[in-house]
Amino acid sequence: MRIFVALCRKHDIKPYRYPRQRRTTVMVRVHQPSFESTVGEDFRALHRELTDYFGDMVEHLIADVMNADGNDETLEQRKLPR
């Protein structure tokens, strides 16, 4: 949400919230096609970048810091109890 608000402000769009709306709700009043081509594109690019970065950090923590193997394909297969 913080990235979305920052991107809106970067593009001179004023995000707002009505009284009693949750903190996770952010409203904007814009022309949708121009919004999608500016804020939407930037948000999707940052989301991909952050997702990749987070995945790399998790791999680093598991492999280098914990000295462990987090591969779930090598889990032991057990039979269901009856």
Protein backbone atom coordinates (compact mmCIF):
# COMPACT_ATOMS: atom_id res chain seq x y z
CA MET A 1 0.00 0.00 0.00
CA ARG A 2 2.83 2.40 0.80
CA ILE A 3 4.34 1.86 -2.66
CA PHE A 4 0.96 2.52 -4.29
CA VAL A 5 0.49 5.76 -2.35
CA ALA A 6 4.05 6.88 -3.17
CA LEU A 7 3.53 6.17 -6.88
CA CYS A 8 0.26 8.09 -6.90
CA ARG A 9 1.92 11.10 -5.32
CA LYS A 10 4.86 10.83 -7.73
CA HIS A 11 2.39 11.18 -10.61
CA ASP A 12 0.51 14.07 -8.91
CA ILE A 13 -2.50 11.91 -8.02
CA LYS A 14 -3.91 12.60 -4.56
CA PRO A 15 -4.89 9.40 -2.74
CA TYR A 16 -7.59 9.74 -0.08
CA ARG A 17 -9.77 7.78 2.30
CA TYR A 18 -13.33 8.47 3.42
CA PRO A 19 -14.07 8.68 7.16
CA ARG A 20 -14.32 5.26 8.83
CA GLN A 21 -12.66 3.43 5.92
CA ARG A 22 -9.99 0.94 6.88
CA ARG A 23 -6.34 1.88 6.72
CA THR A 24 -5.91 -0.63 3.92
CA THR A 25 -8.37 1.23 1.68
CA VAL A 26 -6.94 3.87 -0.63
CA MET A 27 -9.11 5.83 -3.06
CA VAL A 28 -8.08 7.81 -6.13
CA ARG A 29 -10.17 9.77 -8.60
CA VAL A 30 -8.57 9.43 -12.04
CA HIS A 31 -9.16 8.64 -15.70
CA GLN A 32 -8.60 4.88 -15.76
CA PRO A 33 -6.67 4.44 -19.05
CA SER A 34 -4.11 7.10 -18.15
CA PHE A 35 -3.86 5.72 -14.60
CA GLU A 36 -3.20 2.20 -15.90
CA SER A 37 -0.50 3.43 -18.27
CA THR A 38 1.34 5.43 -15.60
CA VAL A 39 0.80 4.27 -12.02
CA GLY A 40 -0.34 0.77 -13.01
CA GLU A 41 2.73 0.07 -15.12
CA ASP A 42 5.10 1.43 -12.46
CA PHE A 43 3.35 -0.57 -9.73
CA ARG A 44 3.51 -3.84 -11.69
CA ALA A 45 7.20 -3.33 -12.45
CA LEU A 46 8.03 -2.60 -8.80
CA HIS A 47 5.91 -5.55 -7.66
CA ARG A 48 7.83 -7.93 -9.96
CA GLU A 49 11.14 -6.49 -8.77
CA LEU A 50 10.23 -6.77 -5.09
CA THR A 51 8.88 -10.31 -5.53
CA ASP A 52 12.12 -11.40 -7.19
CA TYR A 53 14.18 -9.67 -4.49
CA PHE A 54 12.14 -11.29 -1.71
CA GLY A 55 12.54 -14.73 -3.31
CA ASP A 56 16.31 -14.24 -3.57
CA MET A 57 16.48 -13.13 0.08
CA VAL A 58 14.53 -16.19 1.24
CA GLU A 59 16.84 -18.49 -0.74
CA HIS A 60 19.88 -16.75 0.77
CA LEU A 61 18.52 -17.06 4.31
CA ILE A 62 17.69 -20.74 3.95
CA ALA A 63 20.88 -21.80 2.17
CA ASP A 64 23.58 -19.52 3.63
CA VAL A 65 22.33 -18.35 7.01
CA MET A 66 20.45 -21.45 8.17
CA ASN A 67 22.75 -23.89 6.32
CA ALA A 68 19.67 -25.90 5.39
CA ASP A 69 17.88 -27.27 2.38
CA GLY A 70 14.37 -25.89 1.95
CA ASN A 71 13.54 -28.05 -1.07
CA ASP A 72 10.03 -29.39 -0.53
CA GLU A 73 10.35 -31.93 -3.36
CA THR A 74 12.61 -34.09 -1.19
CA LEU A 75 10.14 -34.46 1.69
CA GLU A 76 9.53 -37.92 3.04
CA GLN A 77 6.32 -39.51 1.75
CA ARG A 78 4.31 -41.12 4.55
CA LYS A 79 1.11 -43.13 4.33
CA LEU A 80 -2.06 -41.75 5.81
CA PRO A 81 -3.03 -43.29 9.16
CA ARG A 82 -6.16 -45.45 9.11
